[in-house]
Amino acid sequence: MAGTANLLCQTSSVEDTRRLGERLGTFMKSMDAPLCVALIGDLGTGKTHFSQGIAIGFGINEEVTSPTFALMNTYETAGDNLYHFDLYRLDEEDELAPIGFDEFTDDTKSIVEWADKFPDAMPEETLWVTIDRISDTERKFIFSSSYIPYNELVQIGGPYVFGN
């Protein structure tokens, strides 16, 4: 896809995965623009740990859990909300409308786990994050976006950019 920035990051522990997420959450909080973080990864790859880190960086002080059964959690901070979706249990794209998916992902800041189930439903302002399991503790992250420039992705990745 032309105009798409791609960045490879790697973490060595659950704590590193949370810290990488925290870097992204801090970036999101500082943005005046909307951003949807679309997470892709098999069960157990660390989507929820990464989301917990995003929430910490965003300024969320409450416990963050995957909304597998609730489908969406809302986290409030001073001046901003973070919407967290888990689409694992949904089978059809038309199931998104009743939960207000567009309302809570367009022009907002959100995290969507299992976003690859409905890629066409993601807003234009999306950062795709693919998480792959390397070992019991190591994870590979591929950040991909036509919305966020490469140099900003490198800032987000910091010490976790592969090769640093």
Protein backbone atom coordinates (compact mmCIF):
# COMPACT_ATOMS: atom_id res chain seq x y z
CA MET A 1 0.00 0.00 0.00
CA ALA A 2 1.57 3.31 -1.11
CA GLY A 3 2.12 5.89 1.60
CA THR A 4 2.08 3.34 4.40
CA ALA A 5 4.72 3.56 7.11
CA ASN A 6 5.83 0.27 8.66
CA LEU A 7 7.95 -0.21 11.76
CA LEU A 8 9.19 -3.37 13.45
CA CYS A 9 9.54 -3.48 17.25
CA GLN A 10 10.42 -6.31 19.60
CA THR A 11 9.84 -6.88 23.31
CA SER A 12 11.43 -9.46 25.62
CA SER A 13 8.90 -9.61 28.48
CA VAL A 14 5.33 -8.81 29.48
CA GLU A 15 6.66 -5.68 31.17
CA ASP A 16 8.39 -4.58 27.94
CA THR A 17 5.13 -5.15 26.06
CA ARG A 18 3.29 -2.94 28.56
CA ARG A 19 6.03 -0.28 28.32
CA LEU A 20 5.79 -0.22 24.52
CA GLY A 21 2.03 0.18 24.89
CA GLU A 22 2.60 2.95 27.42
CA ARG A 23 4.73 4.83 24.90
CA LEU A 24 1.87 4.59 22.39
CA GLY A 25 -0.68 5.68 25.02
CA THR A 26 1.40 8.76 25.87
CA PHE A 27 1.57 9.60 22.16
CA MET A 28 -2.22 9.15 21.80
CA LYS A 29 -2.95 11.37 24.80
CA SER A 30 -0.78 14.15 23.35
CA MET A 31 -2.57 14.06 19.98
CA ASP A 32 -5.25 16.60 19.15
CA ALA A 33 -6.50 14.24 16.44
CA PRO A 34 -8.37 10.93 16.66
CA LEU A 35 -6.58 7.58 16.52
CA CYS A 36 -7.80 4.00 16.42
CA VAL A 37 -5.23 1.37 17.41
CA ALA A 38 -6.23 -1.81 15.59
CA LEU A 39 -4.66 -4.87 17.23
CA ILE A 40 -4.04 -8.12 15.40
CA GLY A 41 -2.67 -11.25 17.04
CA ASP A 42 -3.51 -14.78 18.04
CA LEU A 43 -4.78 -15.67 21.50
CA GLY A 44 -2.05 -15.17 24.08
CA THR A 45 0.18 -12.88 22.04
CA GLY A 46 -0.20 -9.93 24.42
CA LYS A 47 -2.97 -7.75 22.99
CA THR A 48 -4.41 -7.12 26.46
CA HIS A 49 -1.01 -6.46 28.07
CA PHE A 50 -0.24 -4.00 25.27
CA SER A 51 -3.68 -2.38 25.77
CA GLN A 52 -3.00 -2.06 29.50
CA GLY A 53 0.20 -0.20 28.67
CA ILE A 54 -1.66 2.10 26.27
CA ALA A 55 -4.13 2.89 29.04
CA ILE A 56 -1.33 3.69 31.52
CA GLY A 57 0.32 6.05 29.05
CA PHE A 58 -3.07 7.62 28.33
CA GLY A 59 -3.48 8.40 32.03
CA ILE A 60 -5.94 5.68 33.02
CA ASN A 61 -5.54 4.76 36.70
CA GLU A 62 -8.13 1.99 36.88
CA GLU A 63 -7.69 -1.69 36.08
CA VAL A 64 -7.84 -2.40 32.36
CA THR A 65 -9.19 -5.75 31.22
CA SER A 66 -10.12 -7.07 27.82
CA PRO A 67 -13.82 -6.43 27.15
CA THR A 68 -14.34 -9.89 25.65
CA PHE A 69 -17.86 -10.25 27.03
CA ALA A 70 -18.80 -6.58 27.45
CA LEU A 71 -17.47 -5.87 23.90
CA MET A 72 -16.47 -2.31 24.90
CA ASN A 73 -15.03 -0.58 27.95
CA THR A 74 -14.84 3.19 28.34
CA TYR A 75 -12.02 4.77 30.31
CA GLU A 76 -12.28 8.43 31.26
CA THR A 77 -9.45 10.82 31.94
CA ALA A 78 -9.30 14.58 32.25
CA GLY A 79 -10.35 15.91 28.87
CA ASP A 80 -10.37 12.63 26.97
CA ASN A 81 -11.95 9.18 26.79
CA LEU A 82 -10.35 5.97 25.61
CA TYR A 83 -12.67 3.35 24.13
CA HIS A 84 -11.51 -0.29 24.21
CA PHE A 85 -13.21 -2.90 22.02
CA ASP A 86 -12.74 -6.66 21.79
CA LEU A 87 -14.33 -8.08 18.63
CA TYR A 88 -13.39 -11.71 19.28
CA ARG A 89 -16.97 -12.87 19.93
CA LEU A 90 -18.49 -11.12 16.91
CA ASP A 91 -19.03 -13.02 13.66
CA GLU A 92 -20.55 -10.47 11.28
CA GLU A 93 -19.71 -6.84 10.56
CA ASP A 94 -23.39 -5.88 10.96
CA GLU A 95 -23.03 -6.73 14.68
CA LEU A 96 -20.91 -3.57 15.09
CA ALA A 97 -23.74 -1.05 14.60
CA PRO A 98 -25.81 -2.09 17.67
CA ILE A 99 -22.80 -1.54 19.95
CA GLY A 100 -22.14 1.93 18.49
CA PHE A 101 -18.81 0.94 16.98
CA ASP A 102 -18.63 3.83 14.49
CA GLU A 103 -19.69 6.34 17.14
CA PHE A 104 -16.88 5.25 19.46
CA THR A 105 -14.10 4.80 16.87
CA ASP A 106 -14.66 7.70 14.44
CA ASP A 107 -13.13 10.98 15.67
CA THR A 108 -12.14 9.45 19.03
CA LYS A 109 -9.24 7.59 20.58
CA SER A 110 -9.78 3.86 20.70
CA ILE A 111 -8.22 0.41 20.88
CA VAL A 112 -9.76 -2.47 18.93
CA GLU A 113 -8.62 -6.02 19.67
CA TRP A 114 -9.22 -8.54 16.86
CA ALA A 115 -9.57 -5.64 14.39
CA ASP A 116 -8.59 -7.90 11.50
CA LYS A 117 -12.00 -9.58 11.71
CA PHE A 118 -13.57 -6.42 10.22
CA PRO A 119 -10.80 -4.36 8.59
CA ASP A 120 -13.20 -2.34 6.43
CA ALA A 121 -14.98 -1.07 9.56
CA MET A 122 -11.85 0.63 10.93
CA PRO A 123 -11.65 4.41 10.55
CA GLU A 124 -9.16 6.09 8.24
CA GLU A 125 -7.19 7.29 11.29
CA THR A 126 -5.96 3.81 12.21
CA LEU A 127 -2.62 2.49 13.40
CA TRP A 128 -2.47 -1.24 12.72
CA VAL A 129 -0.41 -3.21 15.25
CA THR A 130 0.29 -6.86 14.49
CA ILE A 131 1.69 -8.87 17.39
CA ASP A 132 3.48 -12.17 16.80
CA ARG A 133 4.77 -14.59 19.42
CA ILE A 134 8.50 -15.29 19.07
CA SER A 135 8.89 -17.26 22.33
CA ASP A 136 7.17 -17.55 25.70
CA THR A 137 8.29 -14.00 26.57
CA GLU A 138 9.35 -12.34 23.30
CA ARG A 139 6.97 -10.58 20.93
CA LYS A 140 7.37 -8.97 17.52
CA PHE A 141 5.26 -5.88 16.76
CA ILE A 142 4.63 -4.49 13.30
CA PHE A 143 3.23 -0.96 13.35
CA SER A 144 1.61 0.01 10.05
CA SER A 145 -0.15 3.25 9.22
CA SER A 146 -0.91 5.59 6.35
CA TYR A 147 -1.99 8.10 9.01
CA ILE A 148 1.05 8.35 11.30
CA PRO A 149 4.38 9.18 9.63
CA TYR A 150 7.36 6.85 10.00
CA ASN A 151 9.39 9.27 12.15
CA GLU A 152 6.55 9.42 14.69
CA LEU A 153 6.29 5.62 14.72
CA VAL A 154 10.02 5.50 15.51
CA GLN A 155 9.45 7.92 18.42
CA ILE A 156 6.68 5.68 19.74
CA GLY A 157 8.81 2.55 19.41
CA GLY A 158 11.85 4.12 21.08
CA PRO A 159 14.17 1.45 22.51
CA TYR A 160 11.89 -1.32 21.21
CA VAL A 161 12.50 -0.51 17.53
CA PHE A 162 14.11 -3.63 16.10
CA GLY A 163 17.81 -3.07 15.62
CA ASN A 164 18.21 -0.47 18.41
